Amino acid sequence: MPRRSSHTAGITWFDEAERRRDIRRAVARAAGPLQLRRAVLFGSLARGGATASSDADLLLVVAYSEHSRPRDRIPGALQALRPLPCPLDLFVYTEQEVQQLREEGSALLRTIEASGVELL
């Protein structure tokens, strides 16, 4: 049996510039504790066209990490960035790893460097 549809529409106000400012503030909070060298926003929030449900794509470049695997750095980075204004796709690499990715011709790094917005 067909169900009645709702008569209400969910409209959400979304201010893309405010979202970018919130992310910039989160990065500023994390800069010292994480020893950030670079923070680059990329994806729809960087190029424009993000929606209220968009996540933020963020590259963090740290001077040093006690964790040898980039994925193991994410929990600590998320903690330092809190509170977060939106869901986050986070990439945390050391300066040496970024250089290696560059030398290997990483498509991800090319995209970030071509269209990303530096936050530090």
N, C-alpha and C. Protein backbone atom coordinates (compact mmCIF):
# COMPACT_ATOMS: atom_id res chain seq x y z
N MET A 1 0.84 -1.17 0.00
CA MET A 1 0.00 0.00 0.00
C MET A 1 0.89 1.25 0.00
N PRO A 2 0.63 2.22 -0.86
CA PRO A 2 1.45 3.42 -0.94
C PRO A 2 1.38 4.23 0.36
N ARG A 3 2.51 4.85 0.71
CA ARG A 3 2.58 5.70 1.89
C ARG A 3 2.47 7.15 1.47
N ARG A 4 1.84 7.95 2.31
CA ARG A 4 1.76 9.38 2.03
C ARG A 4 3.13 10.02 2.17
N SER A 5 3.41 10.94 1.31
CA SER A 5 4.68 11.64 1.43
C SER A 5 4.53 12.79 2.42
N SER A 6 5.60 13.21 2.94
CA SER A 6 5.61 14.31 3.89
C SER A 6 5.29 15.62 3.17
N HIS A 7 4.61 16.51 3.86
CA HIS A 7 4.28 17.82 3.29
C HIS A 7 5.34 18.85 3.63
N THR A 8 6.36 18.46 4.34
CA THR A 8 7.41 19.41 4.70
C THR A 8 8.66 19.12 3.89
N ALA A 9 9.32 20.18 3.55
CA ALA A 9 10.59 20.05 2.84
C ALA A 9 11.69 20.49 3.78
N GLY A 10 12.77 19.76 3.78
CA GLY A 10 13.90 20.12 4.62
C GLY A 10 14.83 21.07 3.88
N ILE A 11 14.86 22.30 4.31
CA ILE A 11 15.74 23.28 3.70
C ILE A 11 16.80 23.64 4.72
N THR A 12 18.02 23.55 4.32
CA THR A 12 19.13 23.86 5.20
C THR A 12 19.92 25.02 4.62
N TRP A 13 20.16 26.04 5.44
CA TRP A 13 20.99 27.15 5.01
C TRP A 13 22.44 26.72 5.12
N PHE A 14 23.19 26.98 4.07
CA PHE A 14 24.59 26.58 4.06
C PHE A 14 25.44 27.76 3.60
N ASP A 15 26.39 28.14 4.40
CA ASP A 15 27.30 29.23 4.08
C ASP A 15 28.69 28.62 3.86
N GLU A 16 29.04 28.48 2.59
CA GLU A 16 30.31 27.84 2.24
C GLU A 16 31.51 28.59 2.80
N ALA A 17 31.47 29.92 2.75
CA ALA A 17 32.57 30.72 3.28
C ALA A 17 32.73 30.52 4.78
N GLU A 18 31.61 30.44 5.49
CA GLU A 18 31.67 30.21 6.93
C GLU A 18 32.25 28.83 7.23
N ARG A 19 31.88 27.82 6.45
CA ARG A 19 32.44 26.48 6.64
C ARG A 19 33.97 26.52 6.45
N ARG A 20 34.44 27.23 5.43
CA ARG A 20 35.89 27.34 5.22
C ARG A 20 36.56 28.06 6.39
N ARG A 21 35.92 29.11 6.92
CA ARG A 21 36.48 29.82 8.09
C ARG A 21 36.55 28.89 9.29
N ASP A 22 35.52 28.08 9.50
CA ASP A 22 35.52 27.13 10.62
C ASP A 22 36.65 26.11 10.48
N ILE A 23 36.88 25.65 9.27
CA ILE A 23 37.97 24.70 9.04
C ILE A 23 39.32 25.37 9.26
N ARG A 24 39.45 26.61 8.81
CA ARG A 24 40.70 27.36 9.03
C ARG A 24 40.97 27.52 10.53
N ARG A 25 39.91 27.79 11.31
CA ARG A 25 40.08 27.92 12.76
C ARG A 25 40.49 26.59 13.39
N ALA A 26 39.91 25.50 12.92
CA ALA A 26 40.29 24.17 13.43
C ALA A 26 41.75 23.88 13.14
N VAL A 27 42.19 24.23 11.94
CA VAL A 27 43.60 24.02 11.56
C VAL A 27 44.51 24.88 12.43
N ALA A 28 44.11 26.11 12.70
CA ALA A 28 44.93 26.99 13.55
C ALA A 28 45.07 26.41 14.95
N ARG A 29 43.99 25.82 15.48
CA ARG A 29 44.07 25.18 16.80
C ARG A 29 45.03 24.01 16.80
N ALA A 30 45.07 23.27 15.71
CA ALA A 30 45.87 22.05 15.64
C ALA A 30 47.32 22.31 15.23
N ALA A 31 47.61 23.50 14.73
CA ALA A 31 48.94 23.77 14.16
C ALA A 31 50.08 23.49 15.14
N GLY A 32 49.96 23.98 16.35
CA GLY A 32 51.02 23.77 17.34
C GLY A 32 51.13 22.32 17.79
N PRO A 33 50.04 21.75 18.30
CA PRO A 33 50.11 20.38 18.79
C PRO A 33 50.57 19.37 17.74
N LEU A 34 50.21 19.60 16.48
CA LEU A 34 50.58 18.64 15.43
C LEU A 34 51.87 19.00 14.71
N GLN A 35 52.46 20.15 15.04
CA GLN A 35 53.65 20.63 14.34
C GLN A 35 53.39 20.68 12.82
N LEU A 36 52.29 21.35 12.46
CA LEU A 36 51.90 21.41 11.05
C LEU A 36 52.86 22.28 10.25
N ARG A 37 53.21 21.80 9.08
CA ARG A 37 54.00 22.56 8.12
C ARG A 37 53.11 23.13 7.03
N ARG A 38 52.07 22.37 6.70
CA ARG A 38 51.10 22.81 5.69
C ARG A 38 49.75 22.22 6.03
N ALA A 39 48.72 22.94 5.61
CA ALA A 39 47.35 22.43 5.67
C ALA A 39 46.68 22.91 4.40
N VAL A 40 46.16 21.96 3.62
CA VAL A 40 45.58 22.30 2.32
C VAL A 40 44.17 21.73 2.23
N LEU A 41 43.22 22.62 2.03
CA LEU A 41 41.83 22.23 1.79
C LEU A 41 41.69 21.99 0.29
N PHE A 42 41.07 20.88 -0.08
CA PHE A 42 40.85 20.60 -1.50
C PHE A 42 39.47 20.00 -1.67
N GLY A 43 39.08 19.74 -2.88
CA GLY A 43 37.74 19.21 -3.14
C GLY A 43 36.73 20.32 -3.29
N SER A 44 35.46 19.98 -3.10
CA SER A 44 34.38 20.92 -3.39
C SER A 44 34.41 22.18 -2.52
N LEU A 45 34.86 22.07 -1.28
CA LEU A 45 34.95 23.27 -0.43
C LEU A 45 36.04 24.22 -0.90
N ALA A 46 37.06 23.71 -1.53
CA ALA A 46 38.13 24.57 -2.04
C ALA A 46 37.76 25.18 -3.39
N ARG A 47 37.15 24.40 -4.25
CA ARG A 47 36.88 24.89 -5.61
C ARG A 47 35.51 25.55 -5.74
N GLY A 48 34.65 25.39 -4.71
CA GLY A 48 33.30 25.95 -4.75
C GLY A 48 32.32 24.87 -5.18
N GLY A 49 31.08 25.07 -4.81
CA GLY A 49 30.06 24.10 -5.17
C GLY A 49 29.75 23.09 -4.10
N ALA A 50 30.27 23.28 -2.89
CA ALA A 50 29.96 22.36 -1.79
C ALA A 50 28.52 22.55 -1.37
N THR A 51 27.95 21.52 -0.79
CA THR A 51 26.59 21.58 -0.25
C THR A 51 26.64 21.38 1.25
N ALA A 52 25.50 21.51 1.89
CA ALA A 52 25.44 21.34 3.35
C ALA A 52 25.89 19.95 3.77
N SER A 53 25.75 18.96 2.89
CA SER A 53 26.16 17.60 3.25
C SER A 53 27.58 17.26 2.79
N SER A 54 28.28 18.22 2.20
CA SER A 54 29.66 17.97 1.74
C SER A 54 30.60 17.80 2.92
N ASP A 55 31.57 16.91 2.73
CA ASP A 55 32.63 16.80 3.72
C ASP A 55 33.76 17.73 3.30
N ALA A 56 34.75 17.84 4.16
CA ALA A 56 35.94 18.62 3.85
C ALA A 56 37.06 17.65 3.55
N ASP A 57 37.81 17.94 2.51
CA ASP A 57 38.98 17.15 2.15
C ASP A 57 40.19 17.96 2.58
N LEU A 58 41.02 17.39 3.44
CA LEU A 58 42.09 18.15 4.05
C LEU A 58 43.39 17.35 4.08
N LEU A 59 44.44 17.98 3.58
CA LEU A 59 45.80 17.42 3.68
C LEU A 59 46.53 18.17 4.78
N LEU A 60 47.07 17.43 5.73
CA LEU A 60 47.94 18.00 6.75
C LEU A 60 49.33 17.45 6.55
N VAL A 61 50.30 18.35 6.54
CA VAL A 61 51.70 17.94 6.42
C VAL A 61 52.38 18.28 7.74
N VAL A 62 52.90 17.24 8.39
CA VAL A 62 53.53 17.40 9.70
C VAL A 62 55.04 17.28 9.57
N ALA A 63 55.73 17.90 10.51
CA ALA A 63 57.19 17.84 10.50
C ALA A 63 57.68 16.43 10.83
N TYR A 64 56.98 15.80 11.75
CA TYR A 64 57.44 14.50 12.26
C TYR A 64 56.23 13.76 12.82
N SER A 65 56.29 12.45 12.81
CA SER A 65 55.26 11.66 13.47
C SER A 65 55.89 10.41 14.07
N GLU A 66 55.41 10.06 15.23
CA GLU A 66 55.87 8.82 15.86
C GLU A 66 55.23 7.60 15.20
N HIS A 67 54.19 7.83 14.40
CA HIS A 67 53.50 6.75 13.70
C HIS A 67 54.08 6.61 12.30
N SER A 68 54.45 5.40 11.95
CA SER A 68 55.04 5.18 10.63
C SER A 68 54.00 5.14 9.51
N ARG A 69 52.76 4.79 9.85
CA ARG A 69 51.71 4.71 8.83
C ARG A 69 50.81 5.95 8.92
N PRO A 70 50.57 6.61 7.78
CA PRO A 70 49.73 7.82 7.79
C PRO A 70 48.36 7.60 8.44
N ARG A 71 47.75 6.46 8.21
CA ARG A 71 46.41 6.24 8.77
C ARG A 71 46.41 6.20 10.29
N ASP A 72 47.54 5.85 10.89
CA ASP A 72 47.62 5.82 12.34
C ASP A 72 47.72 7.22 12.95
N ARG A 73 47.97 8.23 12.12
CA ARG A 73 48.06 9.62 12.59
C ARG A 73 46.69 10.29 12.65
N ILE A 74 45.72 9.71 11.98
CA ILE A 74 44.42 10.37 11.85
C ILE A 74 43.71 10.58 13.19
N PRO A 75 43.64 9.60 14.09
CA PRO A 75 42.94 9.85 15.36
C PRO A 75 43.50 11.04 16.14
N GLY A 76 44.80 11.14 16.23
CA GLY A 76 45.41 12.27 16.94
C GLY A 76 45.15 13.59 16.25
N ALA A 77 45.19 13.58 14.93
CA ALA A 77 44.91 14.80 14.18
C ALA A 77 43.46 15.23 14.36
N LEU A 78 42.54 14.29 14.31
CA LEU A 78 41.13 14.61 14.52
C LEU A 78 40.91 15.20 15.91
N GLN A 79 41.57 14.64 16.89
CA GLN A 79 41.45 15.16 18.25
C GLN A 79 41.95 16.60 18.33
N ALA A 80 43.06 16.90 17.68
CA ALA A 80 43.62 18.25 17.70
C ALA A 80 42.75 19.25 16.94
N LEU A 81 42.03 18.78 15.93
CA LEU A 81 41.18 19.66 15.12
C LEU A 81 39.83 19.95 15.76
N ARG A 82 39.41 19.17 16.74
CA ARG A 82 38.07 19.31 17.32
C ARG A 82 37.86 20.66 17.97
N PRO A 83 36.64 21.18 17.91
CA PRO A 83 35.45 20.63 17.28
C PRO A 83 35.48 20.82 15.77
N LEU A 84 34.98 19.84 15.07
CA LEU A 84 34.97 19.87 13.61
C LEU A 84 33.63 20.42 13.11
N PRO A 85 33.68 21.26 12.08
CA PRO A 85 32.44 21.84 11.57
C PRO A 85 31.66 20.91 10.63
N CYS A 86 32.30 19.82 10.20
CA CYS A 86 31.66 18.92 9.23
C CYS A 86 32.47 17.62 9.18
N PRO A 87 31.94 16.60 8.52
CA PRO A 87 32.73 15.39 8.31
C PRO A 87 34.01 15.73 7.52
N LEU A 88 35.02 14.91 7.71
CA LEU A 88 36.34 15.22 7.17
C LEU A 88 36.97 13.99 6.53
N ASP A 89 37.50 14.17 5.32
CA ASP A 89 38.40 13.18 4.73
C ASP A 89 39.79 13.74 4.97
N LEU A 90 40.55 13.07 5.81
CA LEU A 90 41.80 13.61 6.30
C LEU A 90 42.99 12.77 5.84
N PHE A 91 44.01 13.45 5.35
CA PHE A 91 45.26 12.83 4.92
C PHE A 91 46.37 13.50 5.71
N VAL A 92 47.15 12.71 6.45
CA VAL A 92 48.21 13.26 7.29
C VAL A 92 49.53 12.62 6.87
N TYR A 93 50.39 13.43 6.28
CA TYR A 93 51.68 12.95 5.79
C TYR A 93 52.81 13.79 6.37
N THR A 94 53.98 13.19 6.47
CA THR A 94 55.18 13.95 6.83
C THR A 94 55.69 14.67 5.58
N GLU A 95 56.57 15.63 5.79
CA GLU A 95 57.16 16.36 4.65
C GLU A 95 57.88 15.39 3.71
N GLN A 96 58.58 14.43 4.29
CA GLN A 96 59.31 13.45 3.49
C GLN A 96 58.34 12.59 2.66
N GLU A 97 57.23 12.20 3.23
CA GLU A 97 56.24 11.41 2.50
C GLU A 97 55.63 12.21 1.35
N VAL A 98 55.37 13.49 1.58
CA VAL A 98 54.82 14.33 0.51
C VAL A 98 55.82 14.42 -0.64
N GLN A 99 57.08 14.58 -0.31
CA GLN A 99 58.11 14.64 -1.35
C GLN A 99 58.17 13.33 -2.13
N GLN A 100 58.05 12.21 -1.43
CA GLN A 100 58.05 10.91 -2.09
C GLN A 100 56.83 10.76 -3.00
N LEU A 101 55.66 11.20 -2.52
CA LEU A 101 54.44 11.15 -3.35
C LEU A 101 54.61 12.00 -4.61
N ARG A 102 55.22 13.16 -4.44
CA ARG A 102 55.48 14.05 -5.58
C ARG A 102 56.38 13.36 -6.60
N GLU A 103 57.44 12.73 -6.13
CA GLU A 103 58.39 12.05 -7.02
C GLU A 103 57.74 10.86 -7.72
N GLU A 104 56.78 10.22 -7.05
CA GLU A 104 56.08 9.08 -7.63
C GLU A 104 54.96 9.51 -8.58
N GLY A 105 54.69 10.80 -8.65
CA GLY A 105 53.63 11.29 -9.53
C GLY A 105 52.23 11.01 -9.01
N SER A 106 52.04 11.07 -7.71
CA SER A 106 50.74 10.78 -7.09
C SER A 106 49.63 11.66 -7.67
N ALA A 107 48.58 11.02 -8.16
CA ALA A 107 47.43 11.76 -8.70
C ALA A 107 46.76 12.58 -7.60
N LEU A 108 46.66 12.02 -6.40
CA LEU A 108 46.07 12.75 -5.29
C LEU A 108 46.85 14.03 -5.01
N LEU A 109 48.15 13.91 -4.91
CA LEU A 109 48.96 15.08 -4.61
C LEU A 109 48.90 16.11 -5.75
N ARG A 110 48.87 15.65 -6.99
CA ARG A 110 48.73 16.59 -8.13
C ARG A 110 47.42 17.36 -8.02
N THR A 111 46.35 16.68 -7.68
CA THR A 111 45.05 17.33 -7.52
C THR A 111 45.09 18.36 -6.41
N ILE A 112 45.65 17.97 -5.28
CA ILE A 112 45.74 18.87 -4.12
C ILE A 112 46.56 20.10 -4.48
N GLU A 113 47.70 19.92 -5.11
CA GLU A 113 48.56 21.04 -5.40
C GLU A 113 48.02 21.92 -6.53
N ALA A 114 47.20 21.35 -7.41
CA ALA A 114 46.63 22.13 -8.51
C ALA A 114 45.44 22.98 -8.07
N SER A 115 44.62 22.44 -7.17
CA SER A 115 43.37 23.14 -6.86
C SER A 115 43.15 23.40 -5.38
N GLY A 116 44.11 23.03 -4.54
CA GLY A 116 43.92 23.19 -3.11
C GLY A 116 44.11 24.61 -2.64
N VAL A 117 43.58 24.88 -1.46
CA VAL A 117 43.69 26.19 -0.82
C VAL A 117 44.52 26.04 0.44
N GLU A 118 45.65 26.74 0.49
CA GLU A 118 46.53 26.69 1.67
C GLU A 118 45.83 27.36 2.85
N LEU A 119 45.83 26.70 3.99
CA LEU A 119 45.17 27.22 5.18
C LEU A 119 46.16 27.75 6.22
N LEU A 120 47.43 27.49 6.05
CA LEU A 120 48.47 28.01 6.97
C LEU A 120 49.39 28.95 6.23
